[in-house]
């Protein structure tokens, strides 16, 4: 990985690096043992761990991409197997190579016992065109997710590679990532995949924040220009759907209140994004800690204590396993063990 410039961490554990790119390691909980200590300190019994966005594989040669994704998926599987009471880990595939992606899904589910598929909002196809993940060409991936009763996490990255703006002032993390999530939500719901694949439960990162404020505009556009949406599903049909979830990582109670009003509290999961600085990390400068936004929401009577507990636990379990009560019980047994 380091030799090919794909990804590595420097020997002092101060930076994550790729070729012509680096990002500071801003908290010790980037690493396993420190992560476990951090979880203990904040009374977090179990964490759902997503794949690393830097390893979506866009722009890599095919064999390098396969090796990078295989490295990450096997690493995540090992963490889950070595610490079953502490972690549920996700795996990633590259949608630009659908047949290979399906093989990797089968391998990760059947051999590694993983049930969380992580997908990017956008990806580069085999001819260098950027596509939305909910393109109809990717339906074989969703068919397998449906077959295996998978939870699916949708997360943005690589915006600076196809949005032609200078990468300054962290604009792609602060603005465009949220737009990428809204774009993916747009096409999930237009294609009606929440109904077509009833055993696939999709969660959008960062609260799908722009998707919430943009809902009225999408409805107005659908109703005003039906000629542009022939054969598509009305945006209203997806609002509050039991198979579409959003995390709480919106950073202010006004946005959280809008999310809950739009989608219902049952569709909201705790989002921490630790150990990144945009997550709910322990920070004096940011006046933050895990769960702060929910504590503020209770103070402002946006949610109840019962709602808070569901967001931390029951809603997460529902996203992970849906109506499979046996799988839910096995997860609880893993955690309690």
C-alpha atoms as a PDB file:
ATOM      1  CA  UNK A   1       0.000   0.000   0.000  1.00  0.00           C
ATOM      2  CA  UNK A   2       2.761   2.424   0.939  1.00  0.00           C
ATOM      3  CA  UNK A   3       4.981   1.416  -1.963  1.00  0.00           C
ATOM      4  CA  UNK A   4       2.216   2.108  -4.479  1.00  0.00           C
ATOM      5  CA  UNK A   5       1.161   5.335  -2.736  1.00  0.00           C
ATOM      6  CA  UNK A   6      -2.342   3.999  -2.008  1.00  0.00           C
ATOM      7  CA  UNK A   7      -2.483   4.545   1.755  1.00  0.00           C
ATOM      8  CA  UNK A   8      -0.295   4.386   4.839  1.00  0.00           C
ATOM      9  CA  UNK A   9       0.328   5.930   8.255  1.00  0.00           C
ATOM     10  CA  UNK A  10       3.707   7.474   9.058  1.00  0.00           C
ATOM     11  CA  UNK A  11       5.947   5.799  11.634  1.00  0.00           C
ATOM     12  CA  UNK A  12       5.186   8.433  14.264  1.00  0.00           C
ATOM     13  CA  UNK A  13       1.435   7.941  13.742  1.00  0.00           C
ATOM     14  CA  UNK A  14       0.960  11.647  13.107  1.00  0.00           C
ATOM     15  CA  UNK A  15      -0.365  11.549   9.528  1.00  0.00           C
ATOM     16  CA  UNK A  16      -2.453   9.428   7.178  1.00  0.00           C
ATOM     17  CA  UNK A  17      -0.916   9.583   3.724  1.00  0.00           C
ATOM     18  CA  UNK A  18      -1.571   8.856   0.077  1.00  0.00           C
ATOM     19  CA  UNK A  19       0.425   9.905  -2.941  1.00  0.00           C
ATOM     20  CA  UNK A  20       0.325  13.743  -3.034  1.00  0.00           C
ATOM     21  CA  UNK A  21      -2.059  13.817  -0.021  1.00  0.00           C
ATOM     22  CA  UNK A  22      -1.843  13.750   3.737  1.00  0.00           C
ATOM     23  CA  UNK A  23      -4.143  14.377   6.668  1.00  0.00           C
ATOM     24  CA  UNK A  24      -3.213  14.748  10.340  1.00  0.00           C
ATOM     25  CA  UNK A  25      -4.103  12.041  12.826  1.00  0.00           C
ATOM     26  CA  UNK A  26      -6.064  14.259  15.202  1.00  0.00           C
ATOM     27  CA  UNK A  27      -6.857  11.763  17.964  1.00  0.00           C
ATOM     28  CA  UNK A  28      -5.226   8.669  19.403  1.00  0.00           C
ATOM     29  CA  UNK A  29      -8.475   6.736  18.971  1.00  0.00           C
ATOM     30  CA  UNK A  30      -7.603   6.303  15.302  1.00  0.00           C
ATOM     31  CA  UNK A  31      -5.868   3.163  16.607  1.00  0.00           C
ATOM     32  CA  UNK A  32      -7.382  -0.002  18.044  1.00  0.00           C
ATOM     33  CA  UNK A  33      -6.264  -0.097  21.680  1.00  0.00           C
ATOM     34  CA  UNK A  34      -6.774   3.630  22.131  1.00  0.00           C
ATOM     35  CA  UNK A  35     -10.206   3.244  20.516  1.00  0.00           C
ATOM     36  CA  UNK A  36     -11.154   0.610  23.076  1.00  0.00           C
ATOM     37  CA  UNK A  37     -10.008   2.872  25.900  1.00  0.00           C
ATOM     38  CA  UNK A  38     -12.001   5.762  24.406  1.00  0.00           C
ATOM     39  CA  UNK A  39     -15.131   3.605  24.192  1.00  0.00           C
ATOM     40  CA  UNK A  40     -14.697   2.529  27.811  1.00  0.00           C
ATOM     41  CA  UNK A  41     -14.327   6.135  28.955  1.00  0.00           C
ATOM     42  CA  UNK A  42     -17.586   7.171  27.276  1.00  0.00           C
ATOM     43  CA  UNK A  43     -19.560   4.017  28.155  1.00  0.00           C
ATOM     44  CA  UNK A  44     -19.917   2.936  24.529  1.00  0.00           C
ATOM     45  CA  UNK A  45     -20.493  -0.809  24.600  1.00  0.00           C
ATOM     46  CA  UNK A  46     -20.347  -1.508  20.888  1.00  0.00           C
ATOM     47  CA  UNK A  47     -19.355   0.446  17.780  1.00  0.00           C
ATOM     48  CA  UNK A  48     -20.324   0.061  14.136  1.00  0.00           C
ATOM     49  CA  UNK A  49     -17.164   0.684  12.116  1.00  0.00           C
ATOM     50  CA  UNK A  50     -17.300   1.797   8.504  1.00  0.00           C
ATOM     51  CA  UNK A  51     -14.692   1.363   5.807  1.00  0.00           C
ATOM     52  CA  UNK A  52     -12.062   4.028   5.214  1.00  0.00           C
ATOM     53  CA  UNK A  53     -13.219   6.515   2.569  1.00  0.00           C
ATOM     54  CA  UNK A  54      -9.676   6.940   1.271  1.00  0.00           C
ATOM     55  CA  UNK A  55      -9.842   3.320   0.085  1.00  0.00           C
ATOM     56  CA  UNK A  56     -12.893   3.454  -2.182  1.00  0.00           C
ATOM     57  CA  UNK A  57     -10.469   2.625  -4.985  1.00  0.00           C
ATOM     58  CA  UNK A  58     -11.448   5.357  -7.468  1.00  0.00           C
ATOM     59  CA  UNK A  59      -8.756   5.979 -10.049  1.00  0.00           C
ATOM     60  CA  UNK A  60      -6.639   2.949  -9.139  1.00  0.00           C
ATOM     61  CA  UNK A  61      -5.637   0.275 -11.602  1.00  0.00           C
ATOM     62  CA  UNK A  62      -8.007  -2.697 -11.402  1.00  0.00           C
ATOM     63  CA  UNK A  63      -5.631  -5.096  -9.634  1.00  0.00           C
ATOM     64  CA  UNK A  64      -4.463  -2.417  -7.184  1.00  0.00           C
ATOM     65  CA  UNK A  65      -8.069  -1.502  -6.455  1.00  0.00           C
ATOM     66  CA  UNK A  66      -8.971  -5.135  -5.767  1.00  0.00           C
ATOM     67  CA  UNK A  67      -5.987  -5.569  -3.468  1.00  0.00           C
ATOM     68  CA  UNK A  68      -6.720  -2.349  -1.580  1.00  0.00           C
ATOM     69  CA  UNK A  69     -10.357  -3.263  -1.007  1.00  0.00           C
ATOM     70  CA  UNK A  70      -9.480  -6.850  -0.097  1.00  0.00           C
ATOM     71  CA  UNK A  71      -6.900  -5.575   2.405  1.00  0.00           C
ATOM     72  CA  UNK A  72      -9.451  -3.298   4.029  1.00  0.00           C
ATOM     73  CA  UNK A  73     -12.279  -5.841   4.127  1.00  0.00           C
ATOM     74  CA  UNK A  74     -10.095  -8.554   5.627  1.00  0.00           C
ATOM     75  CA  UNK A  75      -8.698  -6.102   8.174  1.00  0.00           C
ATOM     76  CA  UNK A  76     -12.217  -5.075   9.220  1.00  0.00           C
ATOM     77  CA  UNK A  77     -13.312  -8.707   9.403  1.00  0.00           C
ATOM     78  CA  UNK A  78     -10.341  -9.516  11.627  1.00  0.00           C
ATOM     79  CA  UNK A  79     -11.215  -6.665  14.003  1.00  0.00           C
ATOM     80  CA  UNK A  80     -14.803  -7.905  14.231  1.00  0.00           C
ATOM     81  CA  UNK A  81     -13.738 -11.499  14.838  1.00  0.00           C
ATOM     82  CA  UNK A  82     -11.109 -10.611  17.431  1.00  0.00           C
ATOM     83  CA  UNK A  83     -13.397  -8.196  19.312  1.00  0.00           C
ATOM     84  CA  UNK A  84     -16.941  -9.466  18.677  1.00  0.00           C
ATOM     85  CA  UNK A  85     -18.412  -7.776  21.740  1.00  0.00           C
ATOM     86  CA  UNK A  86     -17.000  -4.389  20.741  1.00  0.00           C
ATOM     87  CA  UNK A  87     -17.249  -4.027  16.961  1.00  0.00           C
ATOM     88  CA  UNK A  88     -19.509  -4.648  13.999  1.00  0.00           C
ATOM     89  CA  UNK A  89     -17.462  -3.817  10.909  1.00  0.00           C
ATOM     90  CA  UNK A  90     -18.427  -2.971   7.361  1.00  0.00           C
ATOM     91  CA  UNK A  91     -16.934  -3.938   4.006  1.00  0.00           C
ATOM     92  CA  UNK A  92     -16.634  -2.050   0.729  1.00  0.00           C
ATOM     93  CA  UNK A  93     -16.877  -2.893  -2.978  1.00  0.00           C
ATOM     94  CA  UNK A  94     -16.224  -0.872  -6.131  1.00  0.00           C
ATOM     95  CA  UNK A  95     -19.455  -0.471  -8.169  1.00  0.00           C
ATOM     96  CA  UNK A  96     -17.507   0.240 -11.354  1.00  0.00           C
ATOM     97  CA  UNK A  97     -16.851  -3.489 -11.610  1.00  0.00           C
ATOM     98  CA  UNK A  98     -20.226  -4.988 -10.790  1.00  0.00           C
ATOM     99  CA  UNK A  99     -19.372  -8.664 -11.225  1.00  0.00           C
ATOM    100  CA  UNK A 100     -16.281  -8.379  -9.030  1.00  0.00           C
ATOM    101  CA  UNK A 101     -18.308  -6.367  -6.515  1.00  0.00           C
ATOM    102  CA  UNK A 102     -20.871  -9.168  -6.289  1.00  0.00           C
ATOM    103  CA  UNK A 103     -18.164 -11.769  -5.763  1.00  0.00           C
ATOM    104  CA  UNK A 104     -16.694  -9.671  -2.956  1.00  0.00           C
ATOM    105  CA  UNK A 105     -20.105  -9.259  -1.312  1.00  0.00           C
ATOM    106  CA  UNK A 106     -20.568 -13.030  -1.346  1.00  0.00           C
ATOM    107  CA  UNK A 107     -17.095 -13.558   0.098  1.00  0.00           C
ATOM    108  CA  UNK A 108     -17.478 -10.993   2.875  1.00  0.00           C
ATOM    109  CA  UNK A 109     -20.901 -12.277   3.911  1.00  0.00           C
ATOM    110  CA  UNK A 110     -20.386 -16.019   3.566  1.00  0.00           C
ATOM    111  CA  UNK A 111     -16.723 -16.323   4.565  1.00  0.00           C
ATOM    112  CA  UNK A 112     -16.190 -13.322   6.854  1.00  0.00           C
ATOM    113  CA  UNK A 113     -19.635 -13.156   8.467  1.00  0.00           C
ATOM    114  CA  UNK A 114     -20.103  -9.439   7.727  1.00  0.00           C
ATOM    115  CA  UNK A 115     -23.520  -7.867   7.204  1.00  0.00           C
ATOM    116  CA  UNK A 116     -22.762  -4.173   6.652  1.00  0.00           C
ATOM    117  CA  UNK A 117     -22.048  -3.068   3.079  1.00  0.00           C
ATOM    118  CA  UNK A 118     -20.396   0.350   2.740  1.00  0.00           C
ATOM    119  CA  UNK A 119     -20.855   2.171  -0.551  1.00  0.00           C
ATOM    120  CA  UNK A 120     -19.731   5.594  -1.801  1.00  0.00           C
ATOM    121  CA  UNK A 121     -22.284   8.157  -2.940  1.00  0.00           C
ATOM    122  CA  UNK A 122     -20.383   8.398  -6.254  1.00  0.00           C
ATOM    123  CA  UNK A 123     -17.779   6.351  -8.072  1.00  0.00           C
ATOM    124  CA  UNK A 124     -15.744   6.353 -11.256  1.00  0.00           C
ATOM    125  CA  UNK A 125     -16.823   3.806 -13.868  1.00  0.00           C
ATOM    126  CA  UNK A 126     -14.520   1.897 -16.217  1.00  0.00           C
ATOM    127  CA  UNK A 127     -14.374   4.723 -18.788  1.00  0.00           C
ATOM    128  CA  UNK A 128     -13.641   7.451 -16.241  1.00  0.00           C
ATOM    129  CA  UNK A 129     -17.177   8.830 -15.898  1.00  0.00           C
ATOM    130  CA  UNK A 130     -18.452   9.670 -12.413  1.00  0.00           C
ATOM    131  CA  UNK A 131     -21.750   7.984 -11.530  1.00  0.00           C
ATOM    132  CA  UNK A 132     -24.197   7.993  -8.623  1.00  0.00           C
ATOM    133  CA  UNK A 133     -24.221   4.781  -6.610  1.00  0.00           C
ATOM    134  CA  UNK A 134     -27.964   4.324  -7.207  1.00  0.00           C
ATOM    135  CA  UNK A 135     -27.512   4.021 -10.954  1.00  0.00           C
ATOM    136  CA  UNK A 136     -29.662   1.218 -12.376  1.00  0.00           C
ATOM    137  CA  UNK A 137     -26.519  -0.573 -13.597  1.00  0.00           C
ATOM    138  CA  UNK A 138     -25.759  -1.381  -9.958  1.00  0.00           C
ATOM    139  CA  UNK A 139     -28.955  -3.292  -9.328  1.00  0.00           C
ATOM    140  CA  UNK A 140     -27.098  -6.647  -9.091  1.00  0.00           C
ATOM    141  CA  UNK A 141     -25.363  -5.223  -5.996  1.00  0.00           C
ATOM    142  CA  UNK A 142     -28.688  -4.262  -4.442  1.00  0.00           C
ATOM    143  CA  UNK A 143     -30.181  -7.635  -5.317  1.00  0.00           C
ATOM    144  CA  UNK A 144     -27.421  -9.319  -3.308  1.00  0.00           C
ATOM    145  CA  UNK A 145     -27.865  -6.848  -0.449  1.00  0.00           C
ATOM    146  CA  UNK A 146     -31.533  -7.796  -0.460  1.00  0.00           C
ATOM    147  CA  UNK A 147     -30.749 -11.518  -0.589  1.00  0.00           C
ATOM    148  CA  UNK A 148     -28.370 -11.308   2.385  1.00  0.00           C
ATOM    149  CA  UNK A 149     -30.520  -8.880   4.429  1.00  0.00           C
ATOM    150  CA  UNK A 150     -27.693  -6.334   4.526  1.00  0.00           C
ATOM    151  CA  UNK A 151     -27.466  -2.952   6.144  1.00  0.00           C
ATOM    152  CA  UNK A 152     -25.986  -0.455   3.685  1.00  0.00           C
ATOM    153  CA  UNK A 153     -24.087   2.693   4.603  1.00  0.00           C
ATOM    154  CA  UNK A 154     -23.827   5.486   2.033  1.00  0.00           C
ATOM    155  CA  UNK A 155     -20.909   7.845   2.558  1.00  0.00           C
ATOM    156  CA  UNK A 156     -19.442  10.605   0.344  1.00  0.00           C
ATOM    157  CA  UNK A 157     -15.832  11.133  -0.713  1.00  0.00           C
ATOM    158  CA  UNK A 158     -13.710  12.146  -3.722  1.00  0.00           C
ATOM    159  CA  UNK A 159     -15.840  15.204  -4.512  1.00  0.00           C
ATOM    160  CA  UNK A 160     -12.767  17.199  -5.399  1.00  0.00           C
ATOM    161  CA  UNK A 161     -12.074  14.741  -8.241  1.00  0.00           C
ATOM    162  CA  UNK A 162     -15.224  15.551 -10.186  1.00  0.00           C
ATOM    163  CA  UNK A 163     -16.496  18.883  -8.819  1.00  0.00           C
ATOM    164  CA  UNK A 164     -14.375  21.451 -10.641  1.00  0.00           C
ATOM    165  CA  UNK A 165     -13.582  23.810  -7.774  1.00  0.00           C
ATOM    166  CA  UNK A 166     -10.318  24.559  -6.029  1.00  0.00           C
ATOM    167  CA  UNK A 167      -9.932  22.446  -2.884  1.00  0.00           C
ATOM    168  CA  UNK A 168      -9.708  25.239  -0.304  1.00  0.00           C
ATOM    169  CA  UNK A 169     -11.170  25.918   3.150  1.00  0.00           C
ATOM    170  CA  UNK A 170     -12.251  22.292   3.513  1.00  0.00           C
ATOM    171  CA  UNK A 171     -15.168  22.993   1.178  1.00  0.00           C
ATOM    172  CA  UNK A 172     -15.537  19.390   0.032  1.00  0.00           C
ATOM    173  CA  UNK A 173     -16.017  18.104   3.580  1.00  0.00           C
ATOM    174  CA  UNK A 174     -18.110  21.016   4.836  1.00  0.00           C
ATOM    175  CA  UNK A 175     -20.348  21.637   1.816  1.00  0.00           C
ATOM    176  CA  UNK A 176     -20.015  19.170  -1.020  1.00  0.00           C
ATOM    177  CA  UNK A 177     -20.103  15.928   0.985  1.00  0.00           C
ATOM    178  CA  UNK A 178     -23.580  16.903   2.134  1.00  0.00           C
ATOM    179  CA  UNK A 179     -24.585  17.643  -1.458  1.00  0.00           C
ATOM    180  CA  UNK A 180     -23.248  14.237  -2.515  1.00  0.00           C
ATOM    181  CA  UNK A 181     -25.437  12.539   0.111  1.00  0.00           C
ATOM    182  CA  UNK A 182     -28.472  14.516  -1.081  1.00  0.00           C
ATOM    183  CA  UNK A 183     -27.770  13.479  -4.672  1.00  0.00           C
ATOM    184  CA  UNK A 184     -27.568   9.791  -3.727  1.00  0.00           C
ATOM    185  CA  UNK A 185     -30.787  10.024  -1.684  1.00  0.00           C
ATOM    186  CA  UNK A 186     -32.447  11.672  -4.705  1.00  0.00           C
ATOM    187  CA  UNK A 187     -31.773   8.654  -6.918  1.00  0.00           C
ATOM    188  CA  UNK A 188     -32.440   5.974  -4.293  1.00  0.00           C
ATOM    189  CA  UNK A 189     -35.939   7.355  -3.815  1.00  0.00           C
ATOM    190  CA  UNK A 190     -36.631   8.152  -7.483  1.00  0.00           C
ATOM    191  CA  UNK A 191     -35.831   4.530  -8.313  1.00  0.00           C
ATOM    192  CA  UNK A 192     -37.944   3.283  -5.410  1.00  0.00           C
ATOM    193  CA  UNK A 193     -35.216   0.950  -4.206  1.00  0.00           C
ATOM    194  CA  UNK A 194     -36.496   1.148  -0.629  1.00  0.00           C
ATOM    195  CA  UNK A 195     -39.542  -0.808  -1.876  1.00  0.00           C
ATOM    196  CA  UNK A 196     -37.914  -2.861  -4.617  1.00  0.00           C
ATOM    197  CA  UNK A 197     -35.353  -4.308  -2.195  1.00  0.00           C
ATOM    198  CA  UNK A 198     -37.312  -4.688   1.070  1.00  0.00           C
ATOM    199  CA  UNK A 199     -34.506  -6.531   2.893  1.00  0.00           C
ATOM    200  CA  UNK A 200     -31.921  -3.795   2.204  1.00  0.00           C
ATOM    201  CA  UNK A 201     -31.800  -0.976   4.766  1.00  0.00           C
ATOM    202  CA  UNK A 202     -29.885   2.122   3.721  1.00  0.00           C
ATOM    203  CA  UNK A 203     -28.353   4.728   6.025  1.00  0.00           C
ATOM    204  CA  UNK A 204     -27.083   8.087   4.776  1.00  0.00           C
ATOM    205  CA  UNK A 205     -24.087   9.647   6.499  1.00  0.00           C
ATOM    206  CA  UNK A 206     -24.135  13.111   8.069  1.00  0.00           C
ATOM    207  CA  UNK A 207     -27.895  13.073   8.486  1.00  0.00           C
ATOM    208  CA  UNK A 208     -28.408  13.365   4.749  1.00  0.00           C
ATOM    209  CA  UNK A 209     -28.448  16.980   5.853  1.00  0.00           C
ATOM    210  CA  UNK A 210     -29.047  18.748   2.537  1.00  0.00           C
ATOM    211  CA  UNK A 211     -31.567  16.063   1.576  1.00  0.00           C
ATOM    212  CA  UNK A 212     -33.752  17.224   4.482  1.00  0.00           C
ATOM    213  CA  UNK A 213     -33.803  20.919   3.617  1.00  0.00           C
ATOM    214  CA  UNK A 214     -34.146  20.092  -0.093  1.00  0.00           C
ATOM    215  CA  UNK A 215     -37.183  17.813   0.183  1.00  0.00           C
ATOM    216  CA  UNK A 216     -39.725  20.480  -0.745  1.00  0.00           C
ATOM    217  CA  UNK A 217     -37.762  21.538  -3.801  1.00  0.00           C
ATOM    218  CA  UNK A 218     -37.610  17.934  -5.041  1.00  0.00           C
ATOM    219  CA  UNK A 219     -41.367  17.525  -4.602  1.00  0.00           C
ATOM    220  CA  UNK A 220     -42.005  20.823  -6.388  1.00  0.00           C
ATOM    221  CA  UNK A 221     -39.763  19.772  -9.257  1.00  0.00           C
ATOM    222  CA  UNK A 222     -41.325  16.324  -9.573  1.00  0.00           C
ATOM    223  CA  UNK A 223     -44.842  17.743  -9.646  1.00  0.00           C
ATOM    224  CA  UNK A 224     -43.917  20.680 -11.904  1.00  0.00           C
ATOM    225  CA  UNK A 225     -41.934  18.776 -14.545  1.00  0.00           C
ATOM    226  CA  UNK A 226     -43.366  15.236 -14.693  1.00  0.00           C
ATOM    227  CA  UNK A 227     -41.892  14.885 -18.183  1.00  0.00           C
ATOM    228  CA  UNK A 228     -38.424  14.656 -16.551  1.00  0.00           C
ATOM    229  CA  UNK A 229     -39.427  11.833 -14.188  1.00  0.00           C
ATOM    230  CA  UNK A 230     -41.239   9.339 -16.376  1.00  0.00           C
ATOM    231  CA  UNK A 231     -41.275   5.939 -14.675  1.00  0.00           C
ATOM    232  CA  UNK A 232     -39.815   7.325 -11.431  1.00  0.00           C
ATOM    233  CA  UNK A 233     -41.233   7.265  -7.915  1.00  0.00           C
ATOM    234  CA  UNK A 234     -42.568  10.366  -6.191  1.00  0.00           C
ATOM    235  CA  UNK A 235     -40.218  11.753  -3.480  1.00  0.00           C
ATOM    236  CA  UNK A 236     -43.063  11.795  -0.940  1.00  0.00           C
ATOM    237  CA  UNK A 237     -43.293   7.983  -1.027  1.00  0.00           C
ATOM    238  CA  UNK A 238     -39.853   7.637   0.565  1.00  0.00           C
ATOM    239  CA  UNK A 239     -40.267  10.116   3.427  1.00  0.00           C
ATOM    240  CA  UNK A 240     -40.088   8.271   6.747  1.00  0.00           C
ATOM    241  CA  UNK A 241     -39.717   4.894   5.017  1.00  0.00           C
ATOM    242  CA  UNK A 242     -38.731   2.097   7.383  1.00  0.00           C
ATOM    243  CA  UNK A 243     -35.787   1.063   5.183  1.00  0.00           C
ATOM    244  CA  UNK A 244     -34.138   4.501   4.994  1.00  0.00           C
ATOM    245  CA  UNK A 245     -32.087   5.739   7.931  1.00  0.00           C
ATOM    246  CA  UNK A 246     -29.974   8.816   8.701  1.00  0.00           C
ATOM    247  CA  UNK A 247     -27.361   9.421  11.375  1.00  0.00           C
ATOM    248  CA  UNK A 248     -27.410  12.275  13.892  1.00  0.00           C
ATOM    249  CA  UNK A 249     -24.173  13.895  12.742  1.00  0.00           C
ATOM    250  CA  UNK A 250     -25.651  17.252  11.736  1.00  0.00           C
ATOM    251  CA  UNK A 251     -23.932  19.385  14.422  1.00  0.00           C
ATOM    252  CA  UNK A 252     -26.899  21.515  15.488  1.00  0.00           C
ATOM    253  CA  UNK A 253     -30.286  20.838  17.046  1.00  0.00           C
ATOM    254  CA  UNK A 254     -32.180  22.818  14.394  1.00  0.00           C
ATOM    255  CA  UNK A 255     -30.973  20.423  11.699  1.00  0.00           C
ATOM    256  CA  UNK A 256     -31.646  17.422  13.941  1.00  0.00           C
ATOM    257  CA  UNK A 257     -35.191  18.643  14.578  1.00  0.00           C
ATOM    258  CA  UNK A 258     -35.825  18.989  10.836  1.00  0.00           C
ATOM    259  CA  UNK A 259     -34.443  15.481  10.240  1.00  0.00           C
ATOM    260  CA  UNK A 260     -36.731  14.012  12.901  1.00  0.00           C
ATOM    261  CA  UNK A 261     -39.770  15.970  11.681  1.00  0.00           C
ATOM    262  CA  UNK A 262     -39.166  14.785   8.112  1.00  0.00           C
ATOM    263  CA  UNK A 263     -38.265  11.163   8.681  1.00  0.00           C
ATOM    264  CA  UNK A 264     -39.469  10.232  12.169  1.00  0.00           C
ATOM    265  CA  UNK A 265     -37.312   9.421  15.166  1.00  0.00           C
ATOM    266  CA  UNK A 266     -37.314   5.671  14.393  1.00  0.00           C
ATOM    267  CA  UNK A 267     -35.247   6.333  11.258  1.00  0.00           C
ATOM    268  CA  UNK A 268     -32.449   8.150  13.084  1.00  0.00           C
ATOM    269  CA  UNK A 269     -29.214   6.494  14.293  1.00  0.00           C
ATOM    270  CA  UNK A 270     -26.437   7.742  16.527  1.00  0.00           C
ATOM    271  CA  UNK A 271     -23.591   9.064  14.384  1.00  0.00           C
ATOM    272  CA  UNK A 272     -20.212   9.746  15.963  1.00  0.00           C
ATOM    273  CA  UNK A 273     -17.709   9.834  13.060  1.00  0.00           C
ATOM    274  CA  UNK A 274     -14.990   9.325  15.622  1.00  0.00           C
ATOM    275  CA  UNK A 275     -12.059   9.825  15.532  1.00  0.00           C
ATOM    276  CA  UNK A 276     -12.381  12.588  12.923  1.00  0.00           C
ATOM    277  CA  UNK A 277     -12.616  16.264  13.980  1.00  0.00           C
ATOM    278  CA  UNK A 278     -16.049  16.580  12.330  1.00  0.00           C
ATOM    279  CA  UNK A 279     -17.292  13.840  14.620  1.00  0.00           C
ATOM    280  CA  UNK A 280     -18.562  14.058  18.179  1.00  0.00           C
ATOM    281  CA  UNK A 281     -15.109  13.772  19.680  1.00  0.00           C
ATOM    282  CA  UNK A 282     -14.056  14.925  23.116  1.00  0.00           C
ATOM    283  CA  UNK A 283     -12.883  18.475  22.418  1.00  0.00           C
ATOM    284  CA  UNK A 284     -12.636  21.644  24.496  1.00  0.00           C
ATOM    285  CA  UNK A 285     -12.278  23.913  21.438  1.00  0.00           C
ATOM    286  CA  UNK A 286     -15.332  22.393  19.785  1.00  0.00           C
ATOM    287  CA  UNK A 287     -17.158  21.980  23.127  1.00  0.00           C
ATOM    288  CA  UNK A 288     -18.031  18.438  22.120  1.00  0.00           C
ATOM    289  CA  UNK A 289     -18.370  14.892  23.420  1.00  0.00           C
ATOM    290  CA  UNK A 290     -20.134  11.728  22.184  1.00  0.00           C
ATOM    291  CA  UNK A 291     -23.889  12.191  22.432  1.00  0.00           C
ATOM    292  CA  UNK A 292     -23.853  15.929  23.035  1.00  0.00           C
ATOM    293  CA  UNK A 293     -26.369  16.705  20.292  1.00  0.00           C
ATOM    294  CA  UNK A 294     -28.888  14.307  21.840  1.00  0.00           C
ATOM    295  CA  UNK A 295     -28.417  15.833  25.292  1.00  0.00           C
ATOM    296  CA  UNK A 296     -29.072  19.273  23.786  1.00  0.00           C
ATOM    297  CA  UNK A 297     -32.103  17.929  21.915  1.00  0.00           C
ATOM    298  CA  UNK A 298     -33.581  16.648  25.182  1.00  0.00           C
ATOM    299  CA  UNK A 299     -32.965  20.010  26.857  1.00  0.00           C
ATOM    300  CA  UNK A 300     -34.794  21.746  24.010  1.00  0.00           C
ATOM    301  CA  UNK A 301     -37.628  19.166  24.063  1.00  0.00           C
ATOM    302  CA  UNK A 302     -36.947  17.979  20.517  1.00  0.00           C
ATOM    303  CA  UNK A 303     -36.701  14.349  21.693  1.00  0.00           C
ATOM    304  CA  UNK A 304     -37.497  12.407  24.848  1.00  0.00           C
ATOM    305  CA  UNK A 305     -35.123  10.254  26.877  1.00  0.00           C
ATOM    306  CA  UNK A 306     -36.854   7.231  25.357  1.00  0.00           C
ATOM    307  CA  UNK A 307     -36.095   8.600  21.872  1.00  0.00           C
ATOM    308  CA  UNK A 308     -32.457   9.168  22.849  1.00  0.00           C
ATOM    309  CA  UNK A 309     -32.069   5.572  24.015  1.00  0.00           C
ATOM    310  CA  UNK A 310     -33.637   4.264  20.794  1.00  0.00           C
ATOM    311  CA  UNK A 311     -31.284   6.387  18.674  1.00  0.00           C
ATOM    312  CA  UNK A 312     -28.298   4.996  20.571  1.00  0.00           C
ATOM    313  CA  UNK A 313     -29.409   1.357  20.465  1.00  0.00           C
ATOM    314  CA  UNK A 314     -32.684  -0.023  19.097  1.00  0.00           C
ATOM    315  CA  UNK A 315     -32.682   1.971  15.865  1.00  0.00           C
ATOM    316  CA  UNK A 316     -29.093   0.918  15.174  1.00  0.00           C
ATOM    317  CA  UNK A 317     -29.971  -2.739  15.684  1.00  0.00           C
ATOM    318  CA  UNK A 318     -33.028  -2.355  13.436  1.00  0.00           C
ATOM    319  CA  UNK A 319     -30.846  -0.883  10.695  1.00  0.00           C
ATOM    320  CA  UNK A 320     -28.271  -3.637  11.028  1.00  0.00           C
ATOM    321  CA  UNK A 321     -30.677  -6.585  10.994  1.00  0.00           C
ATOM    322  CA  UNK A 322     -34.173  -5.418  10.041  1.00  0.00           C
ATOM    323  CA  UNK A 323     -36.852  -7.931  10.972  1.00  0.00           C
ATOM    324  CA  UNK A 324     -34.419 -10.817  11.494  1.00  0.00           C
ATOM    325  CA  UNK A 325     -35.023 -11.422  15.191  1.00  0.00           C
ATOM    326  CA  UNK A 326     -32.505 -14.276  15.342  1.00  0.00           C
ATOM    327  CA  UNK A 327     -29.719 -12.029  14.023  1.00  0.00           C
ATOM    328  CA  UNK A 328     -30.691  -9.295  16.484  1.00  0.00           C
ATOM    329  CA  UNK A 329     -30.489 -11.730  19.379  1.00  0.00           C
ATOM    330  CA  UNK A 330     -27.103 -12.992  18.224  1.00  0.00           C
ATOM    331  CA  UNK A 331     -25.801  -9.413  18.108  1.00  0.00           C
ATOM    332  CA  UNK A 332     -27.022  -8.742  21.639  1.00  0.00           C
ATOM    333  CA  UNK A 333     -25.411 -11.965  22.836  1.00  0.00           C
ATOM    334  CA  UNK A 334     -22.119 -10.904  21.197  1.00  0.00           C
ATOM    335  CA  UNK A 335     -22.230  -7.558  22.961  1.00  0.00           C
ATOM    336  CA  UNK A 336     -23.233  -8.899  26.370  1.00  0.00           C
ATOM    337  CA  UNK A 337     -20.610 -11.645  26.178  1.00  0.00           C
END
